[in-house]
Amino acid sequence: MELRALGTTGLRVSALGLGTVKLGRNQGVRYPQPFELPSDQQALALLELAWDLGINLLDTAPAYGLSEERLGRLLRQCRRDWVIVTKVGEAFQNGQSQFDFSAAATRASVERSLRRLGVAALDAVLIHSSGDDLAILEQQEALPTLLDLQQAGLIRAVGMSTKTVAGGLRALACCDLLMLTYNLLQREELPVIRAAAAAGKGVLIKKGLCSGHLDPTAPTDPVRAALHLILAEPGVSSVVVGTLNPAHLRANVAAAKAVQAVR
């Protein structure tokens, strides 16, 4: 698996990353089919397979239910040089999302993630946007708090998981990396990807496979078509895709490698 620079953070990440929402949450999600949370044995086997296939990037968040807590426990058995991205600002409790971008909540979230993941410092922490990107960046305390924690050595890279073009462009001026949506059906944020490339900022892609809603009747392999679209952009560091199915994971990696081979 090709490793790409995550902007100028010094981190190098696999072109395909593993999203871990399905390790910790199956409520309030928008996937085509319902699913049960995996056992620890199943989750550990998936993590080991991902590493063996060349994936070194794991994406998690407090909003992913038990994901951080389970990863911390599982990675003690699967010790590898993972790059782990987590988030602040959103939590999932009692079946619904709750947002808090205050300094106190941001600091508490980072401290909780450090404990859950069992690490001394977090590789990357993103602000988990509620949708009002500009107001969060310009009027809330999450970003300055994260920058303070970065200066204190608790975070290596700071960024934002954005939901708007304007928010993404604004975040480029004050963050190390972004996570944004880009896929066959949603291409509005392409200008942000290209601006990030010009600015030397890292870009992680979410919903690259349309959260499992790709058309299976398409005349060409929709997974390969989606990854070709995304990975052809020089500004993209990694596409984060979540799955619990080992066969799907193998197929996704094969498609990503096929795309890399023809670039």
C-alpha atoms as a PDB file:
ATOM      1  CA  MET A   1       0.000   0.000   0.000  1.00  0.00           C
ATOM      2  CA  GLU A   2       1.344   3.389  -0.999  1.00  0.00           C
ATOM      3  CA  LEU A   3       2.204   5.704   1.892  1.00  0.00           C
ATOM      4  CA  ARG A   4       1.462   9.387   1.367  1.00  0.00           C
ATOM      5  CA  ALA A   5       2.563  12.453   3.288  1.00  0.00           C
ATOM      6  CA  LEU A   6      -0.138  13.882   5.550  1.00  0.00           C
ATOM      7  CA  GLY A   7       0.687  17.426   4.552  1.00  0.00           C
ATOM      8  CA  THR A   8       3.702  18.734   6.436  1.00  0.00           C
ATOM      9  CA  THR A   9       2.865  16.936   9.705  1.00  0.00           C
ATOM     10  CA  GLY A  10       5.698  14.451   9.251  1.00  0.00           C
ATOM     11  CA  LEU A  11       3.166  11.614   9.317  1.00  0.00           C
ATOM     12  CA  ARG A  12       2.886   9.199   6.398  1.00  0.00           C
ATOM     13  CA  VAL A  13      -0.400   7.377   5.929  1.00  0.00           C
ATOM     14  CA  SER A  14      -1.638   4.566   3.722  1.00  0.00           C
ATOM     15  CA  ALA A  15      -3.687   5.655   0.718  1.00  0.00           C
ATOM     16  CA  LEU A  16      -6.562   3.678   2.236  1.00  0.00           C
ATOM     17  CA  GLY A  17      -7.386   4.114   5.923  1.00  0.00           C
ATOM     18  CA  LEU A  18      -9.742   2.082   8.107  1.00  0.00           C
ATOM     19  CA  GLY A  19     -12.715   3.849   9.655  1.00  0.00           C
ATOM     20  CA  THR A  20     -13.807   2.379  12.978  1.00  0.00           C
ATOM     21  CA  VAL A  21     -17.300   3.705  13.607  1.00  0.00           C
ATOM     22  CA  LYS A  22     -18.630   0.157  13.123  1.00  0.00           C
ATOM     23  CA  LEU A  23     -16.475  -1.067  15.996  1.00  0.00           C
ATOM     24  CA  GLY A  24     -18.380   1.082  18.450  1.00  0.00           C
ATOM     25  CA  ARG A  25     -21.731   2.298  17.178  1.00  0.00           C
ATOM     26  CA  ASN A  26     -24.664   0.885  15.207  1.00  0.00           C
ATOM     27  CA  GLN A  27     -27.324   3.429  16.159  1.00  0.00           C
ATOM     28  CA  GLY A  28     -28.109   6.583  14.215  1.00  0.00           C
ATOM     29  CA  VAL A  29     -25.955   5.566  11.257  1.00  0.00           C
ATOM     30  CA  ARG A  30     -26.845   5.732   7.557  1.00  0.00           C
ATOM     31  CA  TYR A  31     -25.507   2.530   6.084  1.00  0.00           C
ATOM     32  CA  PRO A  32     -27.618   0.439   3.685  1.00  0.00           C
ATOM     33  CA  GLN A  33     -27.923  -2.524   6.057  1.00  0.00           C
ATOM     34  CA  PRO A  34     -28.140  -2.803   9.858  1.00  0.00           C
ATOM     35  CA  PHE A  35     -25.234  -4.556  11.565  1.00  0.00           C
ATOM     36  CA  GLU A  36     -24.169  -5.962  14.915  1.00  0.00           C
ATOM     37  CA  LEU A  37     -21.054  -4.704  16.642  1.00  0.00           C
ATOM     38  CA  PRO A  38     -18.227  -7.220  16.214  1.00  0.00           C
ATOM     39  CA  SER A  39     -16.787  -9.264  19.042  1.00  0.00           C
ATOM     40  CA  ASP A  40     -13.316  -8.375  20.287  1.00  0.00           C
ATOM     41  CA  GLN A  41     -11.970 -11.413  18.440  1.00  0.00           C
ATOM     42  CA  GLN A  42     -13.565 -10.321  15.168  1.00  0.00           C
ATOM     43  CA  ALA A  43     -12.408  -6.732  15.600  1.00  0.00           C
ATOM     44  CA  LEU A  44      -8.849  -7.790  16.406  1.00  0.00           C
ATOM     45  CA  ALA A  45      -8.739 -10.058  13.353  1.00  0.00           C
ATOM     46  CA  LEU A  46      -9.921  -7.145  11.187  1.00  0.00           C
ATOM     47  CA  LEU A  47      -7.214  -4.849  12.558  1.00  0.00           C
ATOM     48  CA  GLU A  48      -4.513  -7.454  11.989  1.00  0.00           C
ATOM     49  CA  LEU A  49      -5.751  -8.032   8.437  1.00  0.00           C
ATOM     50  CA  ALA A  50      -5.758  -4.296   7.745  1.00  0.00           C
ATOM     51  CA  TRP A  51      -2.142  -4.030   8.880  1.00  0.00           C
ATOM     52  CA  ASP A  52      -1.104  -7.058   6.846  1.00  0.00           C
ATOM     53  CA  LEU A  53      -2.724  -5.486   3.762  1.00  0.00           C
ATOM     54  CA  GLY A  54      -0.663  -2.319   4.218  1.00  0.00           C
ATOM     55  CA  ILE A  55      -3.103  -0.047   6.068  1.00  0.00           C
ATOM     56  CA  ASN A  56      -1.525   2.039   8.835  1.00  0.00           C
ATOM     57  CA  LEU A  57      -4.240   4.676   9.389  1.00  0.00           C
ATOM     58  CA  LEU A  58      -7.145   4.260  11.819  1.00  0.00           C
ATOM     59  CA  ASP A  59      -9.897   6.856  12.140  1.00  0.00           C
ATOM     60  CA  THR A  60     -11.975   7.075  15.308  1.00  0.00           C
ATOM     61  CA  ALA A  61     -13.930   9.606  17.389  1.00  0.00           C
ATOM     62  CA  PRO A  62     -15.836   9.994  20.655  1.00  0.00           C
ATOM     63  CA  ALA A  63     -18.929  10.186  18.446  1.00  0.00           C
ATOM     64  CA  TYR A  64     -18.291   6.579  17.372  1.00  0.00           C
ATOM     65  CA  GLY A  65     -19.657   5.135  20.591  1.00  0.00           C
ATOM     66  CA  LEU A  66     -17.289   2.538  22.038  1.00  0.00           C
ATOM     67  CA  SER A  67     -14.748   2.816  19.206  1.00  0.00           C
ATOM     68  CA  GLU A  68     -11.933   4.622  21.059  1.00  0.00           C
ATOM     69  CA  GLU A  69     -12.277   2.488  24.158  1.00  0.00           C
ATOM     70  CA  ARG A  70     -12.270  -0.743  22.153  1.00  0.00           C
ATOM     71  CA  LEU A  71      -9.329   0.354  20.001  1.00  0.00           C
ATOM     72  CA  GLY A  72      -7.266   1.118  23.067  1.00  0.00           C
ATOM     73  CA  ARG A  73      -7.922  -2.349  24.430  1.00  0.00           C
ATOM     74  CA  LEU A  74      -7.450  -4.160  21.109  1.00  0.00           C
ATOM     75  CA  LEU A  75      -4.305  -2.336  20.066  1.00  0.00           C
ATOM     76  CA  ARG A  76      -2.553  -3.546  23.177  1.00  0.00           C
ATOM     77  CA  GLN A  77      -2.824  -6.971  21.513  1.00  0.00           C
ATOM     78  CA  CYS A  78      -2.103  -5.682  18.001  1.00  0.00           C
ATOM     79  CA  ARG A  79       0.900  -3.451  18.645  1.00  0.00           C
ATOM     80  CA  ARG A  80       1.887  -1.788  15.393  1.00  0.00           C
ATOM     81  CA  ASP A  81       3.027   1.669  14.378  1.00  0.00           C
ATOM     82  CA  TRP A  82      -0.520   2.885  13.681  1.00  0.00           C
ATOM     83  CA  VAL A  83      -1.377   6.482  12.842  1.00  0.00           C
ATOM     84  CA  ILE A  84      -4.579   7.179  14.784  1.00  0.00           C
ATOM     85  CA  VAL A  85      -6.876  10.105  14.023  1.00  0.00           C
ATOM     86  CA  THR A  86      -9.536  11.045  16.562  1.00  0.00           C
ATOM     87  CA  LYS A  87     -11.824  14.038  17.092  1.00  0.00           C
ATOM     88  CA  VAL A  88     -13.379  16.500  19.525  1.00  0.00           C
ATOM     89  CA  GLY A  89     -16.637  18.417  19.625  1.00  0.00           C
ATOM     90  CA  GLU A  90     -19.189  15.642  19.131  1.00  0.00           C
ATOM     91  CA  ALA A  91     -20.209  12.858  21.479  1.00  0.00           C
ATOM     92  CA  PHE A  92     -22.882  10.207  20.972  1.00  0.00           C
ATOM     93  CA  GLN A  93     -24.948   9.556  24.066  1.00  0.00           C
ATOM     94  CA  ASN A  94     -28.402   8.123  24.661  1.00  0.00           C
ATOM     95  CA  GLY A  95     -28.905   7.561  20.949  1.00  0.00           C
ATOM     96  CA  GLN A  96     -28.122  11.060  19.746  1.00  0.00           C
ATOM     97  CA  SER A  97     -25.227  13.377  18.967  1.00  0.00           C
ATOM     98  CA  GLN A  98     -24.324  16.203  21.327  1.00  0.00           C
ATOM     99  CA  PHE A  99     -21.956  19.016  20.356  1.00  0.00           C
ATOM    100  CA  ASP A 100     -19.743  21.102  22.623  1.00  0.00           C
ATOM    101  CA  PHE A 101     -16.855  23.174  21.280  1.00  0.00           C
ATOM    102  CA  SER A 102     -15.940  24.909  24.541  1.00  0.00           C
ATOM    103  CA  ALA A 103     -12.399  24.940  25.887  1.00  0.00           C
ATOM    104  CA  ALA A 104     -13.329  22.771  28.861  1.00  0.00           C
ATOM    105  CA  ALA A 105     -15.089  20.159  26.729  1.00  0.00           C
ATOM    106  CA  THR A 106     -12.265  20.122  24.182  1.00  0.00           C
ATOM    107  CA  ARG A 107      -9.583  19.619  26.814  1.00  0.00           C
ATOM    108  CA  ALA A 108     -11.629  16.939  28.576  1.00  0.00           C
ATOM    109  CA  SER A 109     -12.215  15.142  25.270  1.00  0.00           C
ATOM    110  CA  VAL A 110      -8.498  15.058  24.450  1.00  0.00           C
ATOM    111  CA  GLU A 111      -7.628  13.796  27.938  1.00  0.00           C
ATOM    112  CA  ARG A 112     -10.301  11.105  27.647  1.00  0.00           C
ATOM    113  CA  SER A 113      -9.012  10.022  24.217  1.00  0.00           C
ATOM    114  CA  LEU A 114      -5.471   9.744  25.579  1.00  0.00           C
ATOM    115  CA  ARG A 115      -6.714   7.460  28.365  1.00  0.00           C
ATOM    116  CA  ARG A 116      -8.969   5.380  26.141  1.00  0.00           C
ATOM    117  CA  LEU A 117      -6.363   4.852  23.439  1.00  0.00           C
ATOM    118  CA  GLY A 118      -3.575   4.318  25.955  1.00  0.00           C
ATOM    119  CA  VAL A 119      -1.115   6.720  24.338  1.00  0.00           C
ATOM    120  CA  ALA A 120       1.036   9.583  25.614  1.00  0.00           C
ATOM    121  CA  ALA A 121       0.199  11.798  22.625  1.00  0.00           C
ATOM    122  CA  LEU A 122      -2.413  11.754  19.855  1.00  0.00           C
ATOM    123  CA  ASP A 123      -1.237  11.683  16.232  1.00  0.00           C
ATOM    124  CA  ALA A 124      -4.042  13.910  14.940  1.00  0.00           C
ATOM    125  CA  VAL A 125      -7.159  15.459  16.445  1.00  0.00           C
ATOM    126  CA  LEU A 126      -9.910  16.931  14.275  1.00  0.00           C
ATOM    127  CA  ILE A 127     -12.774  19.202  15.243  1.00  0.00           C
ATOM    128  CA  HIS A 128     -15.908  17.161  14.482  1.00  0.00           C
ATOM    129  CA  SER A 129     -18.080  19.807  12.851  1.00  0.00           C
ATOM    130  CA  SER A 130     -21.802  20.085  13.481  1.00  0.00           C
ATOM    131  CA  GLY A 131     -22.127  21.775  10.089  1.00  0.00           C
ATOM    132  CA  ASP A 132     -21.518  25.422  11.038  1.00  0.00           C
ATOM    133  CA  ASP A 133     -17.835  25.295  10.173  1.00  0.00           C
ATOM    134  CA  LEU A 134     -17.081  29.013  10.093  1.00  0.00           C
ATOM    135  CA  ALA A 135     -18.749  29.785  13.409  1.00  0.00           C
ATOM    136  CA  ILE A 136     -16.931  26.895  15.081  1.00  0.00           C
ATOM    137  CA  LEU A 137     -13.565  28.095  13.800  1.00  0.00           C
ATOM    138  CA  GLU A 138     -14.099  31.786  14.426  1.00  0.00           C
ATOM    139  CA  GLN A 139     -16.347  31.976  17.497  1.00  0.00           C
ATOM    140  CA  GLN A 140     -15.764  28.782  19.504  1.00  0.00           C
ATOM    141  CA  GLU A 141     -12.819  27.735  21.682  1.00  0.00           C
ATOM    142  CA  ALA A 142     -12.074  24.295  20.247  1.00  0.00           C
ATOM    143  CA  LEU A 143      -9.353  25.353  17.807  1.00  0.00           C
ATOM    144  CA  PRO A 144      -7.275  27.551  20.161  1.00  0.00           C
ATOM    145  CA  THR A 145      -7.559  24.871  22.837  1.00  0.00           C
ATOM    146  CA  LEU A 146      -6.284  22.196  20.450  1.00  0.00           C
ATOM    147  CA  LEU A 147      -3.421  24.448  19.390  1.00  0.00           C
ATOM    148  CA  ASP A 148      -2.482  24.947  23.046  1.00  0.00           C
ATOM    149  CA  LEU A 149      -2.526  21.178  23.598  1.00  0.00           C
ATOM    150  CA  GLN A 150      -0.408  20.750  20.478  1.00  0.00           C
ATOM    151  CA  GLN A 151       2.147  23.184  21.891  1.00  0.00           C
ATOM    152  CA  ALA A 152       2.112  21.151  25.108  1.00  0.00           C
ATOM    153  CA  GLY A 153       3.062  18.036  23.136  1.00  0.00           C
ATOM    154  CA  LEU A 154      -0.207  16.137  23.612  1.00  0.00           C
ATOM    155  CA  ILE A 155      -1.222  16.364  19.937  1.00  0.00           C
ATOM    156  CA  ARG A 156       0.975  16.060  16.886  1.00  0.00           C
ATOM    157  CA  ALA A 157      -1.399  17.517  14.259  1.00  0.00           C
ATOM    158  CA  VAL A 158      -4.600  19.578  14.493  1.00  0.00           C
ATOM    159  CA  GLY A 159      -7.376  19.710  11.933  1.00  0.00           C
ATOM    160  CA  MET A 160     -11.081  19.753  11.224  1.00  0.00           C
ATOM    161  CA  SER A 161     -13.641  17.402   9.729  1.00  0.00           C
ATOM    162  CA  THR A 162     -15.567  19.977   7.723  1.00  0.00           C
ATOM    163  CA  LYS A 163     -18.955  20.017   6.021  1.00  0.00           C
ATOM    164  CA  THR A 164     -18.770  23.123   3.815  1.00  0.00           C
ATOM    165  CA  VAL A 165     -16.475  24.497   1.130  1.00  0.00           C
ATOM    166  CA  ALA A 166     -16.163  27.818   2.972  1.00  0.00           C
ATOM    167  CA  GLY A 167     -15.295  26.014   6.197  1.00  0.00           C
ATOM    168  CA  GLY A 168     -12.703  23.864   4.480  1.00  0.00           C
ATOM    169  CA  LEU A 169     -11.003  26.845   2.881  1.00  0.00           C
ATOM    170  CA  ARG A 170     -11.002  28.727   6.188  1.00  0.00           C
ATOM    171  CA  ALA A 171      -9.590  25.722   8.038  1.00  0.00           C
ATOM    172  CA  LEU A 172      -6.657  25.567   5.625  1.00  0.00           C
ATOM    173  CA  ALA A 173      -5.410  28.839   7.068  1.00  0.00           C
ATOM    174  CA  CYS A 174      -5.258  27.589  10.653  1.00  0.00           C
ATOM    175  CA  CYS A 175      -5.046  23.773  10.633  1.00  0.00           C
ATOM    176  CA  ASP A 176      -2.534  21.098   9.660  1.00  0.00           C
ATOM    177  CA  LEU A 177      -5.048  18.842   7.935  1.00  0.00           C
ATOM    178  CA  LEU A 178      -8.676  18.454   6.885  1.00  0.00           C
ATOM    179  CA  MET A 179     -11.184  15.677   6.525  1.00  0.00           C
ATOM    180  CA  LEU A 180     -13.864  16.269   3.912  1.00  0.00           C
ATOM    181  CA  THR A 181     -16.414  14.519   1.712  1.00  0.00           C
ATOM    182  CA  TYR A 182     -15.539  13.693  -1.885  1.00  0.00           C
ATOM    183  CA  ASN A 183     -17.006  10.875  -3.956  1.00  0.00           C
ATOM    184  CA  LEU A 184     -18.679  10.000  -7.248  1.00  0.00           C
ATOM    185  CA  LEU A 185     -21.888  11.750  -6.184  1.00  0.00           C
ATOM    186  CA  GLN A 186     -20.502  14.659  -4.130  1.00  0.00           C
ATOM    187  CA  ARG A 187     -17.699  16.626  -5.749  1.00  0.00           C
ATOM    188  CA  GLU A 188     -18.400  20.121  -4.413  1.00  0.00           C
ATOM    189  CA  GLU A 189     -15.340  20.127  -2.149  1.00  0.00           C
ATOM    190  CA  LEU A 190     -12.796  19.502  -4.904  1.00  0.00           C
ATOM    191  CA  PRO A 191     -11.619  23.159  -4.742  1.00  0.00           C
ATOM    192  CA  VAL A 192     -10.699  22.581  -1.080  1.00  0.00           C
ATOM    193  CA  ILE A 193      -8.628  19.505  -1.970  1.00  0.00           C
ATOM    194  CA  ARG A 194      -6.732  21.460  -4.599  1.00  0.00           C
ATOM    195  CA  ALA A 195      -6.226  24.443  -2.311  1.00  0.00           C
ATOM    196  CA  ALA A 196      -4.889  22.068   0.348  1.00  0.00           C
ATOM    197  CA  ALA A 197      -2.418  20.609  -2.145  1.00  0.00           C
ATOM    198  CA  ALA A 198      -1.183  24.095  -2.996  1.00  0.00           C
ATOM    199  CA  ALA A 199      -0.851  24.934   0.711  1.00  0.00           C
ATOM    200  CA  GLY A 200       0.867  21.668   1.646  1.00  0.00           C
ATOM    201  CA  LYS A 201      -1.931  20.621   4.018  1.00  0.00           C
ATOM    202  CA  GLY A 202      -3.050  17.026   4.588  1.00  0.00           C
ATOM    203  CA  VAL A 203      -6.436  15.819   3.329  1.00  0.00           C
ATOM    204  CA  LEU A 204      -8.381  12.797   4.521  1.00  0.00           C
ATOM    205  CA  ILE A 205     -11.471  11.791   2.551  1.00  0.00           C
ATOM    206  CA  LYS A 206     -14.635  10.607   4.314  1.00  0.00           C
ATOM    207  CA  LYS A 207     -17.607   8.931   2.614  1.00  0.00           C
ATOM    208  CA  GLY A 208     -15.418   8.128  -0.385  1.00  0.00           C
ATOM    209  CA  LEU A 209     -17.542   5.059  -1.146  1.00  0.00           C
ATOM    210  CA  CYS A 210     -20.794   6.931  -0.393  1.00  0.00           C
ATOM    211  CA  SER A 211     -21.184   5.104   2.951  1.00  0.00           C
ATOM    212  CA  GLY A 212     -21.964   1.867   1.098  1.00  0.00           C
ATOM    213  CA  HIS A 213     -24.514   3.418  -1.261  1.00  0.00           C
ATOM    214  CA  LEU A 214     -22.544   2.963  -4.490  1.00  0.00           C
ATOM    215  CA  ASP A 215     -24.577   1.530  -7.371  1.00  0.00           C
ATOM    216  CA  PRO A 216     -23.788  -2.219  -7.582  1.00  0.00           C
ATOM    217  CA  THR A 217     -25.322  -2.354 -11.088  1.00  0.00           C
ATOM    218  CA  ALA A 218     -22.884   0.191 -12.529  1.00  0.00           C
ATOM    219  CA  PRO A 219     -21.212  -0.979 -15.778  1.00  0.00           C
ATOM    220  CA  THR A 220     -17.750  -0.651 -14.193  1.00  0.00           C
ATOM    221  CA  ASP A 221     -16.539  -1.544 -10.694  1.00  0.00           C
ATOM    222  CA  PRO A 222     -17.926   1.333  -8.587  1.00  0.00           C
ATOM    223  CA  VAL A 223     -15.328   0.921  -5.828  1.00  0.00           C
ATOM    224  CA  ARG A 224     -12.445   1.132  -8.259  1.00  0.00           C
ATOM    225  CA  ALA A 225     -14.089   4.070 -10.058  1.00  0.00           C
ATOM    226  CA  ALA A 226     -14.550   5.910  -6.767  1.00  0.00           C
ATOM    227  CA  LEU A 227     -10.986   5.315  -5.601  1.00  0.00           C
ATOM    228  CA  HIS A 228      -9.620   6.302  -9.001  1.00  0.00           C
ATOM    229  CA  LEU A 229     -11.493   9.606  -8.817  1.00  0.00           C
ATOM    230  CA  ILE A 230     -10.210  10.333  -5.308  1.00  0.00           C
ATOM    231  CA  LEU A 231      -6.644   9.035  -5.391  1.00  0.00           C
ATOM    232  CA  ALA A 232      -5.954  10.763  -8.708  1.00  0.00           C
ATOM    233  CA  GLU A 233      -6.043  14.061  -6.801  1.00  0.00           C
ATOM    234  CA  PRO A 234      -2.491  14.893  -5.628  1.00  0.00           C
ATOM    235  CA  GLY A 235      -3.895  16.698  -2.597  1.00  0.00           C
ATOM    236  CA  VAL A 236      -5.473  13.574  -1.127  1.00  0.00           C
ATOM    237  CA  SER A 237      -3.485  11.857   1.608  1.00  0.00           C
ATOM    238  CA  SER A 238      -5.858   8.957   2.358  1.00  0.00           C
ATOM    239  CA  VAL A 239      -9.405   7.699   1.841  1.00  0.00           C
ATOM    240  CA  VAL A 240     -10.970   6.459   5.089  1.00  0.00           C
ATOM    241  CA  VAL A 241     -13.322   3.530   4.531  1.00  0.00           C
ATOM    242  CA  GLY A 242     -15.083   1.564   7.249  1.00  0.00           C
ATOM    243  CA  THR A 243     -16.033  -2.109   6.983  1.00  0.00           C
ATOM    244  CA  LEU A 244     -16.431  -5.163   9.186  1.00  0.00           C
ATOM    245  CA  ASN A 245     -16.236  -7.582   6.266  1.00  0.00           C
ATOM    246  CA  PRO A 246     -12.734  -9.021   5.644  1.00  0.00           C
ATOM    247  CA  ALA A 247     -13.623  -9.767   2.015  1.00  0.00           C
ATOM    248  CA  HIS A 248     -14.703  -6.166   1.466  1.00  0.00           C
ATOM    249  CA  LEU A 249     -11.500  -4.939   3.108  1.00  0.00           C
ATOM    250  CA  ARG A 250      -9.389  -7.106   0.805  1.00  0.00           C
ATOM    251  CA  ALA A 251     -11.361  -5.931  -2.234  1.00  0.00           C
ATOM    252  CA  ASN A 252     -11.018  -2.265  -1.251  1.00  0.00           C
ATOM    253  CA  VAL A 253      -7.250  -2.622  -0.830  1.00  0.00           C
ATOM    254  CA  ALA A 254      -6.962  -4.475  -4.141  1.00  0.00           C
ATOM    255  CA  ALA A 255      -8.906  -1.689  -5.867  1.00  0.00           C
ATOM    256  CA  ALA A 256      -6.726   0.992  -4.274  1.00  0.00           C
ATOM    257  CA  LYS A 257      -3.557  -0.816  -5.352  1.00  0.00           C
ATOM    258  CA  ALA A 258      -4.910  -1.215  -8.890  1.00  0.00           C
ATOM    259  CA  VAL A 259      -5.580   2.500  -9.041  1.00  0.00           C
ATOM    260  CA  GLN A 260      -2.059   3.262  -7.782  1.00  0.00           C
ATOM    261  CA  ALA A 261      -0.564   0.963 -10.402  1.00  0.00           C
ATOM    262  CA  VAL A 262      -2.051   2.933 -13.304  1.00  0.00           C
ATOM    263  CA  ARG A 263      -1.348   6.414 -11.937  1.00  0.00           C
END
